[in-house]
């Protein structure tokens, strides 16, 4: 009866024979408070489906978990910064409220309703989004990104240390930041409460979701809503008429995502498992896909594509990220594989490794003809370098943009550092996995899984996905099997000291 939604009066009549105004008020309050069974969207009441209930409860658990782990996740590697960098960071924190060069020329965008959306434990807030309506019906999507160059000097000690680190590292038990945390989570972050310096990209999309206009400005922004992903999901779902901006942005970016998919983008919407440490013990945290996560990811990709197109048009060397396609299976073979994790595993196998280079080229997995990373300059040096190239090209800071022959050696160095950072995170997660399995071993039962693809068919070694854990791991198959076959997976042997894990899978 509620599939198409009903209004408040009809809902109240399900509970009261003749609802009074007091009854209506009681119904509204109960629906507006935290509850799981119903959702309200544009004054209509709907029954939540079973998948919605599962997602809601998992999101609530993730938020509670994030709040619990926040004290431990804020153990920062401050002592590893050189003393000169720490002293300079302290000086910049104190002077951040003073006028800086270029401040008077910034465009004031603080009137826009701006949304920052992150996990609850995020302390380095790089980006936010807004929408600007116009009388001609052409809407601008604004992606605001922190502007570290307001305080950070190219070639200074903080810049060189950030270049050495290449990125912040998120480990299971701590954050190793690219900038000293008092600076990165303080004046550099787009935190709410006051105007913050940003570089803002305004993008217009046509009816087909192609980019038809771009404007890049140094700006002042003020965050209206600092949301968690679960908060953003709820605001998108409710879409209140008086504040429907986020729902509008979501609709525009959903169409843009479908446009990329038509260009060959690989879209993988599936739960992902990651380990965090609580009281020194690893615990598995599963991140479910949701509309706000997809929206934020699409906004960041849109900004990267738009700036890459601008740089290509202006023949500006940039840290473009590219990825060639090298399809391992023909399209007719891929379509025969089960949709979802199995097909994605084979599509990933057919992609070349992404790389940094000074000239624009296609990024096959993203379905983009040109792309660069732009939206995390506090956490990733590639992005900081992209900002610097734009700023110097526009004569907004005192330096010259790097030519291709000068930027290429730096990109090679950053690429190697990025791989090392990735390997550190991978090894940290591997250690947590082994410790976690040891702690579960006495009561560990066979887990449901699916065979994705062969790793070594001659040795019966396959890549499998263990669904309850949202993890992909190698396992030996006891029975003949093929991609898409459902499995029962048992832990045969686990030894953290020897970095040893043996999984056995049977058809089931």
Protein backbone atom coordinates (compact mmCIF):
# COMPACT_ATOMS: atom_id res chain seq x y z
CA UNK A 1 0.00 0.00 0.00
CA UNK A 2 2.91 2.37 0.73
CA UNK A 3 4.95 1.46 -2.38
CA UNK A 4 4.00 4.68 -4.14
CA UNK A 5 4.15 6.75 -0.98
CA UNK A 6 1.29 8.29 0.99
CA UNK A 7 0.81 11.60 2.74
CA UNK A 8 0.81 12.14 6.50
CA UNK A 9 -2.98 12.07 6.88
CA UNK A 10 -3.30 8.75 5.04
CA UNK A 11 -0.51 7.35 7.19
CA UNK A 12 -2.20 8.50 10.40
CA UNK A 13 -5.47 6.86 9.31
CA UNK A 14 -3.65 3.52 9.31
CA UNK A 15 -3.10 4.01 13.05
CA UNK A 16 -6.13 6.02 14.19
CA UNK A 17 -9.76 5.73 13.10
CA UNK A 18 -10.19 9.52 13.13
CA UNK A 19 -6.80 11.15 13.63
CA UNK A 20 -6.81 14.44 15.52
CA UNK A 21 -4.21 17.21 15.06
CA UNK A 22 -2.43 15.80 18.12
CA UNK A 23 -2.34 12.37 16.47
CA UNK A 24 -0.93 13.90 13.29
CA UNK A 25 1.77 15.71 15.28
CA UNK A 26 2.67 12.49 17.10
CA UNK A 27 2.96 10.61 13.79
CA UNK A 28 5.14 13.32 12.28
CA UNK A 29 7.48 13.42 15.28
CA UNK A 30 7.87 9.64 15.32
CA UNK A 31 8.67 9.63 11.60
CA UNK A 32 11.07 12.57 11.83
CA UNK A 33 13.04 11.00 14.68
CA UNK A 34 15.58 8.25 14.10
CA UNK A 35 13.64 5.15 13.07
CA UNK A 36 14.22 2.38 10.58
CA UNK A 37 10.87 1.35 9.12
CA UNK A 38 9.81 4.38 7.09
CA UNK A 39 11.42 7.16 5.07
CA UNK A 40 10.06 10.57 4.09
CA UNK A 41 10.82 12.11 0.72
CA UNK A 42 9.21 15.33 -0.44
CA UNK A 43 6.33 14.99 2.05
CA UNK A 44 5.57 11.39 1.03
CA UNK A 45 5.99 8.42 3.36
CA UNK A 46 7.45 5.16 2.05
CA UNK A 47 8.18 1.77 3.62
CA UNK A 48 11.88 0.96 3.62
CA UNK A 49 12.84 -2.14 1.63
CA UNK A 50 14.96 -4.90 3.13
CA UNK A 51 18.13 -3.73 1.26
CA UNK A 52 17.51 -0.17 2.52
CA UNK A 53 17.19 -1.44 6.09
CA UNK A 54 20.42 -3.40 5.78
CA UNK A 55 22.28 -0.42 4.32
CA UNK A 56 20.90 1.96 6.97
CA UNK A 57 21.90 -0.28 9.85
CA UNK A 58 25.35 -0.97 8.40
CA UNK A 59 25.90 2.77 7.88
CA UNK A 60 24.90 3.45 11.49
CA UNK A 61 27.29 0.76 12.71
CA UNK A 62 30.11 2.23 10.59
CA UNK A 63 29.48 5.70 12.03
CA UNK A 64 29.48 4.37 15.59
CA UNK A 65 32.66 2.45 14.86
CA UNK A 66 34.32 5.53 13.39
CA UNK A 67 33.48 7.55 16.50
CA UNK A 68 34.94 4.79 18.68
CA UNK A 69 38.20 4.57 16.73
CA UNK A 70 38.73 8.31 16.31
CA UNK A 71 40.93 8.78 19.41
CA UNK A 72 43.28 6.04 18.25
CA UNK A 73 43.23 7.12 14.59
CA UNK A 74 44.50 10.53 15.73
CA UNK A 75 47.89 9.12 16.71
CA UNK A 76 50.00 11.07 14.23
CA UNK A 77 53.63 10.64 13.24
CA UNK A 78 54.50 14.18 14.37
CA UNK A 79 57.96 13.23 15.58
CA UNK A 80 59.03 12.20 12.09
CA UNK A 81 58.72 15.74 10.71
CA UNK A 82 61.98 17.71 10.79
CA UNK A 83 62.06 20.33 13.52
CA UNK A 84 62.28 23.07 10.87
CA UNK A 85 58.98 21.87 9.35
CA UNK A 86 57.20 21.74 12.70
CA UNK A 87 58.38 25.26 13.56
CA UNK A 88 57.25 26.57 10.17
CA UNK A 89 53.86 24.83 10.52
CA UNK A 90 53.33 26.42 13.94
CA UNK A 91 54.19 29.84 12.50
CA UNK A 92 51.73 29.38 9.61
CA UNK A 93 48.93 28.27 11.93
CA UNK A 94 49.36 31.47 13.95
CA UNK A 95 49.53 33.72 10.87
CA UNK A 96 46.70 32.06 8.91
CA UNK A 97 44.12 34.61 10.11
CA UNK A 98 46.24 37.48 8.77
CA UNK A 99 45.91 38.79 5.22
CA UNK A 100 48.04 36.86 2.72
CA UNK A 101 49.18 37.79 -0.81
CA UNK A 102 46.32 37.37 -3.27
CA UNK A 103 43.55 37.32 -0.65
CA UNK A 104 41.95 40.53 -1.88
CA UNK A 105 41.61 39.15 -5.43
CA UNK A 106 39.74 36.00 -4.40
CA UNK A 107 36.14 35.58 -5.56
CA UNK A 108 33.75 35.44 -2.61
CA UNK A 109 31.60 32.31 -2.99
CA UNK A 110 30.58 32.12 0.65
CA UNK A 111 26.96 32.79 -0.35
CA UNK A 112 26.72 29.36 -1.98
CA UNK A 113 25.43 26.47 0.13
CA UNK A 114 28.51 24.26 0.27
CA UNK A 115 28.64 20.64 1.40
CA UNK A 116 31.70 18.79 2.65
CA UNK A 117 31.11 15.03 2.89
CA UNK A 118 33.58 12.69 4.58
CA UNK A 119 33.87 9.77 6.94
CA UNK A 120 33.29 10.86 10.55
CA UNK A 121 36.95 10.39 11.50
CA UNK A 122 38.36 12.47 8.60
CA UNK A 123 40.48 15.37 9.82
CA UNK A 124 42.04 16.61 6.54
CA UNK A 125 39.07 18.09 4.64
CA UNK A 126 40.12 18.78 1.06
CA UNK A 127 36.93 19.40 -0.85
CA UNK A 128 33.30 20.53 -0.91
CA UNK A 129 30.54 20.87 -3.51
CA UNK A 130 27.86 23.44 -4.38
CA UNK A 131 25.33 24.16 -7.11
CA UNK A 132 24.58 27.58 -8.57
CA UNK A 133 21.26 28.16 -10.33
CA UNK A 134 20.78 30.68 -13.09
CA UNK A 135 17.75 32.27 -14.74
CA UNK A 136 18.49 30.58 -18.09
CA UNK A 137 18.25 27.14 -16.46
CA UNK A 138 21.95 26.34 -16.89
CA UNK A 139 23.29 25.15 -13.55
CA UNK A 140 26.92 25.28 -12.45
CA UNK A 141 28.34 22.51 -10.32
CA UNK A 142 31.05 23.98 -8.11
CA UNK A 143 33.82 21.77 -6.72
CA UNK A 144 35.77 23.68 -4.07
CA UNK A 145 39.24 22.41 -3.17
CA UNK A 146 41.53 23.53 -0.37
CA UNK A 147 44.24 25.98 -1.45
CA UNK A 148 47.44 25.11 0.47
CA UNK A 149 49.46 27.59 -1.60
CA UNK A 150 47.89 30.42 0.36
CA UNK A 151 50.38 29.48 3.08
CA UNK A 152 52.81 26.92 1.61
CA UNK A 153 55.74 28.33 -0.34
CA UNK A 154 57.04 26.34 -3.35
CA UNK A 155 60.52 25.06 -2.54
CA UNK A 156 60.11 25.72 1.20
CA UNK A 157 60.77 23.11 3.86
CA UNK A 158 57.12 22.05 4.12
CA UNK A 159 56.80 21.73 0.35
CA UNK A 160 59.95 19.63 0.06
CA UNK A 161 58.90 17.39 2.97
CA UNK A 162 55.46 16.91 1.39
CA UNK A 163 57.16 16.02 -1.88
CA UNK A 164 59.32 13.47 -0.05
CA UNK A 165 56.27 11.87 1.57
CA UNK A 166 54.20 12.04 -1.67
CA UNK A 167 50.91 11.51 0.20
CA UNK A 168 49.29 10.96 3.55
CA UNK A 169 49.25 7.29 4.56
CA UNK A 170 46.16 5.83 6.19
CA UNK A 171 47.14 2.79 8.23
CA UNK A 172 44.91 0.59 10.33
CA UNK A 173 46.02 2.30 13.54
CA UNK A 174 47.18 5.77 12.57
CA UNK A 175 47.44 8.51 10.01
CA UNK A 176 50.85 9.53 8.71
CA UNK A 177 50.04 12.97 7.22
CA UNK A 178 51.72 14.73 4.30
CA UNK A 179 51.67 18.03 6.21
CA UNK A 180 51.96 18.46 10.01
CA UNK A 181 48.49 17.68 11.28
CA UNK A 182 47.93 21.02 13.05
CA UNK A 183 48.33 22.69 9.67
CA UNK A 184 46.59 20.08 7.49
CA UNK A 185 43.53 19.73 9.72
CA UNK A 186 43.55 23.42 10.69
CA UNK A 187 43.94 26.42 8.38
CA UNK A 188 44.43 24.33 5.22
CA UNK A 189 41.22 22.32 5.66
CA UNK A 190 37.78 23.34 4.42
CA UNK A 191 36.30 23.01 7.88
CA UNK A 192 33.03 24.77 8.80
CA UNK A 193 32.71 27.89 10.89
CA UNK A 194 34.53 30.54 8.87
CA UNK A 195 35.53 31.53 5.35
CA UNK A 196 38.28 29.30 3.94
CA UNK A 197 40.63 29.79 1.00
CA UNK A 198 39.92 27.48 -1.92
CA UNK A 199 40.41 26.96 -5.62
CA UNK A 200 36.92 26.50 -7.03
CA UNK A 201 36.04 24.89 -10.35
CA UNK A 202 32.66 25.72 -11.90
CA UNK A 203 31.44 23.22 -14.48
CA UNK A 204 28.44 23.32 -16.81
CA UNK A 205 27.12 20.09 -18.31
CA UNK A 206 24.87 19.81 -21.36
CA UNK A 207 21.82 17.55 -21.57
CA UNK A 208 24.08 14.62 -22.44
CA UNK A 209 26.30 15.29 -19.38
CA UNK A 210 29.24 16.45 -21.52
CA UNK A 211 31.36 19.30 -20.14
CA UNK A 212 30.48 22.49 -22.04
CA UNK A 213 31.89 25.15 -19.72
CA UNK A 214 34.59 25.47 -17.07
CA UNK A 215 35.81 28.31 -14.90
CA UNK A 216 38.62 28.04 -12.33
CA UNK A 217 39.02 30.73 -9.67
CA UNK A 218 40.74 31.37 -6.38
CA UNK A 219 37.93 31.82 -3.90
CA UNK A 220 36.56 32.19 -0.39
CA UNK A 221 34.05 29.51 0.62
CA UNK A 222 32.17 28.78 3.79
CA UNK A 223 30.98 25.25 4.48
CA UNK A 224 27.24 25.23 5.16
CA UNK A 225 26.96 21.52 5.99
CA UNK A 226 29.80 19.26 7.15
CA UNK A 227 28.20 15.85 6.62
CA UNK A 228 29.08 12.21 7.07
CA UNK A 229 28.20 9.92 4.18
CA UNK A 230 25.20 8.57 6.10
CA UNK A 231 24.01 12.15 6.79
CA UNK A 232 24.38 12.98 3.09
CA UNK A 233 22.51 9.83 2.05
CA UNK A 234 19.64 10.89 4.29
CA UNK A 235 19.58 14.47 2.96
CA UNK A 236 19.60 13.22 -0.64
CA UNK A 237 16.81 10.79 0.17
CA UNK A 238 14.62 13.36 1.93
CA UNK A 239 15.27 16.09 -0.67
CA UNK A 240 13.43 18.76 1.40
CA UNK A 241 11.98 21.42 -0.94
CA UNK A 242 13.59 24.21 1.07
CA UNK A 243 17.05 22.66 0.73
CA UNK A 244 17.14 20.37 -2.30
CA UNK A 245 20.64 21.36 -3.50
CA UNK A 246 22.31 18.08 -2.60
CA UNK A 247 19.60 16.02 -4.28
CA UNK A 248 19.97 18.17 -7.43
CA UNK A 249 23.74 17.74 -7.44
CA UNK A 250 23.28 14.00 -6.98
CA UNK A 251 20.91 13.79 -9.97
CA UNK A 252 23.30 15.71 -12.23
CA UNK A 253 26.28 13.63 -11.21
CA UNK A 254 24.37 10.37 -11.55
CA UNK A 255 23.73 11.28 -15.19
CA UNK A 256 27.41 12.15 -15.57
CA UNK A 257 28.31 8.73 -14.15
CA UNK A 258 26.05 7.04 -16.70
CA UNK A 259 27.76 9.10 -19.41
CA UNK A 260 31.18 7.79 -18.31
CA UNK A 261 29.83 4.26 -18.28
CA UNK A 262 28.79 4.72 -21.91
CA UNK A 263 32.39 5.79 -22.64
CA UNK A 264 33.66 2.46 -21.27
CA UNK A 265 34.22 3.36 -17.62
CA UNK A 266 34.53 0.46 -15.19
CA UNK A 267 32.05 1.08 -12.36
CA UNK A 268 32.44 -1.27 -9.42
CA UNK A 269 29.71 -0.78 -6.82
CA UNK A 270 30.33 -3.42 -4.18
CA UNK A 271 31.06 -3.55 -0.45
CA UNK A 272 34.74 -3.25 0.45
CA UNK A 273 36.39 -4.60 3.59
CA UNK A 274 39.17 -2.78 5.40
CA UNK A 275 40.78 -3.36 8.78
CA UNK A 276 41.10 -0.81 11.54
CA UNK A 277 42.63 -1.35 14.98
CA UNK A 278 40.68 -0.83 18.19
CA UNK A 279 42.63 -1.20 21.42
CA UNK A 280 45.42 -2.70 19.34
CA UNK A 281 43.21 -5.45 17.90
CA UNK A 282 42.24 -5.54 14.22
CA UNK A 283 38.57 -5.35 13.35
CA UNK A 284 36.99 -5.64 9.93
CA UNK A 285 35.04 -2.58 8.76
CA UNK A 286 32.88 -3.01 5.65
CA UNK A 287 32.06 0.06 3.58
CA UNK A 288 28.83 -0.30 1.65
CA UNK A 289 28.30 1.59 -1.60
CA UNK A 290 25.82 4.44 -1.27
CA UNK A 291 24.51 7.35 -3.32
CA UNK A 292 26.57 10.01 -1.51
CA UNK A 293 29.83 8.08 -1.90
CA UNK A 294 29.15 7.67 -5.61
CA UNK A 295 28.18 11.35 -5.87
CA UNK A 296 31.34 12.61 -4.15
CA UNK A 297 33.56 10.31 -6.22
CA UNK A 298 31.86 11.53 -9.41
CA UNK A 299 32.29 15.18 -8.40
CA UNK A 300 36.01 14.65 -7.85
CA UNK A 301 36.37 12.86 -11.20
CA UNK A 302 34.42 15.66 -12.89
CA UNK A 303 36.80 18.28 -11.48
CA UNK A 304 39.82 16.23 -12.56
CA UNK A 305 38.47 15.78 -16.07
CA UNK A 306 37.50 19.44 -16.44
CA UNK A 307 40.89 20.78 -15.29
CA UNK A 308 42.69 18.20 -17.46
CA UNK A 309 40.72 19.37 -20.51
CA UNK A 310 41.53 23.00 -19.64
CA UNK A 311 45.25 22.21 -19.26
CA UNK A 312 45.29 20.27 -22.53
CA UNK A 313 43.67 23.20 -24.33
CA UNK A 314 46.23 25.62 -22.86
CA UNK A 315 49.16 23.24 -23.55
CA UNK A 316 50.13 23.25 -19.88
CA UNK A 317 52.23 20.38 -18.56
CA UNK A 318 50.40 18.66 -15.71
CA UNK A 319 50.61 15.44 -13.69
CA UNK A 320 48.04 13.76 -15.94
CA UNK A 321 47.01 10.28 -14.78
CA UNK A 322 46.52 7.90 -17.68
CA UNK A 323 45.59 4.25 -18.10
CA UNK A 324 45.67 2.27 -21.29
CA UNK A 325 43.18 -0.47 -22.09
CA UNK A 326 44.47 -3.94 -22.86
CA UNK A 327 41.34 -6.06 -22.84
CA UNK A 328 42.10 -9.66 -21.86
CA UNK A 329 38.70 -10.91 -23.04
CA UNK A 330 36.63 -9.94 -26.06
CA UNK A 331 33.37 -8.07 -25.32
CA UNK A 332 31.29 -11.13 -26.27
CA UNK A 333 33.31 -13.23 -23.81
CA UNK A 334 32.94 -10.65 -21.04
CA UNK A 335 29.18 -10.46 -21.45
CA UNK A 336 28.95 -14.21 -20.83
CA UNK A 337 30.47 -13.79 -17.36
CA UNK A 338 28.17 -13.10 -14.39
CA UNK A 339 27.64 -9.37 -13.93
CA UNK A 340 29.22 -7.79 -10.88
CA UNK A 341 32.34 -8.94 -9.08
CA UNK A 342 33.19 -11.75 -11.52
CA UNK A 343 33.03 -9.58 -14.63
CA UNK A 344 34.83 -6.71 -12.88
CA UNK A 345 37.70 -9.04 -11.91
CA UNK A 346 38.28 -9.92 -15.57
CA UNK A 347 37.93 -6.31 -16.70
CA UNK A 348 40.53 -5.17 -14.14
CA UNK A 349 42.88 -7.86 -15.41
CA UNK A 350 42.65 -6.33 -18.87
CA UNK A 351 43.69 -2.84 -17.78
CA UNK A 352 47.20 -1.49 -17.89
CA UNK A 353 48.75 0.11 -14.82
CA UNK A 354 47.82 3.76 -14.39
CA UNK A 355 50.74 6.15 -14.65
CA UNK A 356 51.65 9.82 -14.34
CA UNK A 357 52.84 11.71 -17.41
CA UNK A 358 53.12 15.32 -18.52
CA UNK A 359 50.90 14.95 -21.61
CA UNK A 360 47.19 14.18 -21.54
CA UNK A 361 46.03 10.72 -22.61
CA UNK A 362 42.98 8.56 -22.01
CA UNK A 363 42.18 6.93 -18.68
CA UNK A 364 40.43 3.76 -19.79
CA UNK A 365 39.00 2.63 -16.44
CA UNK A 366 37.40 6.04 -15.86
CA UNK A 367 36.08 6.46 -19.41
CA UNK A 368 37.82 9.82 -19.77
CA UNK A 369 39.92 11.20 -22.63
CA UNK A 370 42.00 13.26 -20.17
CA UNK A 371 42.23 13.23 -16.38
CA UNK A 372 44.35 14.47 -13.50
CA UNK A 373 44.00 14.27 -9.72
CA UNK A 374 43.03 17.70 -8.40
CA UNK A 375 40.92 17.47 -5.26
CA UNK A 376 43.30 16.28 -2.49
CA UNK A 377 46.18 18.79 -2.29
CA UNK A 378 46.49 18.39 1.49
CA UNK A 379 46.86 14.63 1.18
CA UNK A 380 48.49 13.97 -2.21
CA UNK A 381 51.44 15.81 -3.76
CA UNK A 382 50.27 15.11 -7.35
CA UNK A 383 47.26 17.32 -6.66
CA UNK A 384 49.37 20.00 -4.99
CA UNK A 385 51.64 20.04 -8.06
CA UNK A 386 48.63 20.36 -10.39
CA UNK A 387 47.44 23.39 -8.37
CA UNK A 388 50.90 24.94 -8.58
CA UNK A 389 51.06 24.53 -12.36
CA UNK A 390 47.70 26.29 -12.73
CA UNK A 391 48.58 29.04 -10.25
CA UNK A 392 51.91 29.81 -11.93
CA UNK A 393 50.35 29.71 -15.38
CA UNK A 394 47.81 32.31 -14.20
CA UNK A 395 50.55 34.42 -12.53
CA UNK A 396 48.86 33.99 -9.15
CA UNK A 397 52.03 32.94 -7.34
CA UNK A 398 55.63 33.96 -7.99
CA UNK A 399 57.08 31.03 -9.89
CA UNK A 400 57.21 29.67 -13.41
CA UNK A 401 55.18 26.62 -14.48
CA UNK A 402 57.38 23.58 -15.00
CA UNK A 403 57.97 22.60 -18.62
CA UNK A 404 57.56 18.98 -19.70
CA UNK A 405 61.27 18.21 -19.55
CA UNK A 406 61.41 19.47 -15.95
CA UNK A 407 58.18 17.97 -14.67
CA UNK A 408 58.76 14.45 -16.04
CA UNK A 409 61.56 13.46 -13.61
CA UNK A 410 59.42 14.69 -10.70
CA UNK A 411 56.46 12.64 -11.95
CA UNK A 412 58.64 9.52 -12.19
CA UNK A 413 59.72 10.08 -8.59
CA UNK A 414 56.16 10.65 -7.38
CA UNK A 415 54.97 7.53 -9.22
CA UNK A 416 57.55 5.40 -7.45
CA UNK A 417 56.71 6.94 -4.08
CA UNK A 418 53.01 6.37 -4.70
CA UNK A 419 53.64 2.68 -5.31
CA UNK A 420 55.69 2.44 -2.13
CA UNK A 421 52.88 4.10 -0.14
CA UNK A 422 50.41 1.65 -1.67
CA UNK A 423 52.63 -1.25 -0.71
CA UNK A 424 52.92 -0.02 2.88
CA UNK A 425 49.11 0.16 3.16
CA UNK A 426 48.75 -3.26 1.54
CA UNK A 427 51.20 -4.88 3.96
CA UNK A 428 49.48 -3.21 6.92
CA UNK A 429 46.13 -4.64 5.80
CA UNK A 430 47.70 -8.07 5.25
CA UNK A 431 49.11 -8.12 8.80
CA UNK A 432 45.71 -7.16 10.18
CA UNK A 433 43.97 -9.87 8.15
CA UNK A 434 46.28 -12.59 9.48
CA UNK A 435 46.00 -11.41 13.09
CA UNK A 436 42.22 -11.17 12.77
CA UNK A 437 41.93 -14.70 11.38
CA UNK A 438 44.09 -16.06 14.21
CA UNK A 439 41.74 -14.44 16.73
CA UNK A 440 38.73 -16.03 14.99
CA UNK A 441 40.30 -19.42 14.28
CA UNK A 442 38.72 -21.40 17.18
CA UNK A 443 35.20 -20.51 16.02
CA UNK A 444 35.79 -19.83 12.33
CA UNK A 445 33.29 -21.55 10.02
CA UNK A 446 33.19 -21.97 6.25
CA UNK A 447 32.39 -18.70 4.50
CA UNK A 448 30.28 -18.13 1.39
CA UNK A 449 32.23 -16.96 -1.62
CA UNK A 450 32.39 -16.88 -5.39
CA UNK A 451 35.12 -17.86 -7.81
CA UNK A 452 36.27 -14.74 -9.70
CA UNK A 453 39.09 -15.91 -11.99
CA UNK A 454 42.10 -18.17 -12.18
CA UNK A 455 45.47 -17.05 -10.84
CA UNK A 456 47.28 -20.34 -11.62
CA UNK A 457 44.88 -22.84 -13.14
CA UNK A 458 47.61 -25.52 -13.33
CA UNK A 459 47.88 -25.29 -9.52
CA UNK A 460 44.12 -24.88 -8.89
CA UNK A 461 44.82 -21.41 -7.46
CA UNK A 462 42.00 -18.92 -7.97
CA UNK A 463 41.02 -15.44 -6.88
CA UNK A 464 37.85 -15.68 -4.80
CA UNK A 465 35.58 -13.14 -3.17
CA UNK A 466 34.49 -13.93 0.39
CA UNK A 467 31.16 -12.14 0.55
CA UNK A 468 30.68 -11.79 4.36
CA UNK A 469 34.11 -10.18 4.60
CA UNK A 470 33.92 -8.18 1.33
CA UNK A 471 37.49 -9.30 0.58
CA UNK A 472 39.17 -10.81 -2.48
CA UNK A 473 41.81 -13.44 -1.66
CA UNK A 474 43.64 -16.34 -3.34
CA UNK A 475 42.36 -19.84 -2.55
CA UNK A 476 43.00 -23.38 -3.79
CA UNK A 477 40.00 -25.15 -5.25
CA UNK A 478 39.35 -28.78 -4.36
CA UNK A 479 36.67 -29.22 -7.01
CA UNK A 480 36.53 -28.30 -10.70
CA UNK A 481 35.08 -24.80 -10.89
CA UNK A 482 34.77 -21.78 -13.13
CA UNK A 483 34.16 -18.04 -12.79
CA UNK A 484 30.87 -17.35 -11.03
CA UNK A 485 30.64 -20.69 -9.20
CA UNK A 486 29.49 -20.41 -5.59
CA UNK A 487 31.98 -21.70 -3.04
CA UNK A 488 32.44 -22.60 0.59
CA UNK A 489 35.79 -21.28 1.77
CA UNK A 490 37.73 -22.61 4.76
CA UNK A 491 40.87 -21.26 6.42
CA UNK A 492 43.30 -24.18 6.37
CA UNK A 493 46.36 -22.49 7.84
CA UNK A 494 47.23 -19.01 9.08
CA UNK A 495 50.51 -17.87 10.60
CA UNK A 496 51.26 -14.12 10.92
CA UNK A 497 54.91 -14.80 11.86
CA UNK A 498 55.51 -16.50 8.50
CA UNK A 499 53.07 -14.30 6.55
CA UNK A 500 51.20 -17.49 5.70
CA UNK A 501 47.56 -17.93 4.72
CA UNK A 502 46.08 -21.00 3.04
CA UNK A 503 42.43 -21.02 1.99
CA UNK A 504 40.63 -24.06 0.59
CA UNK A 505 37.43 -23.74 -1.44
CA UNK A 506 34.81 -26.30 -2.41
CA UNK A 507 31.72 -26.05 -4.55
CA UNK A 508 28.81 -25.22 -2.34
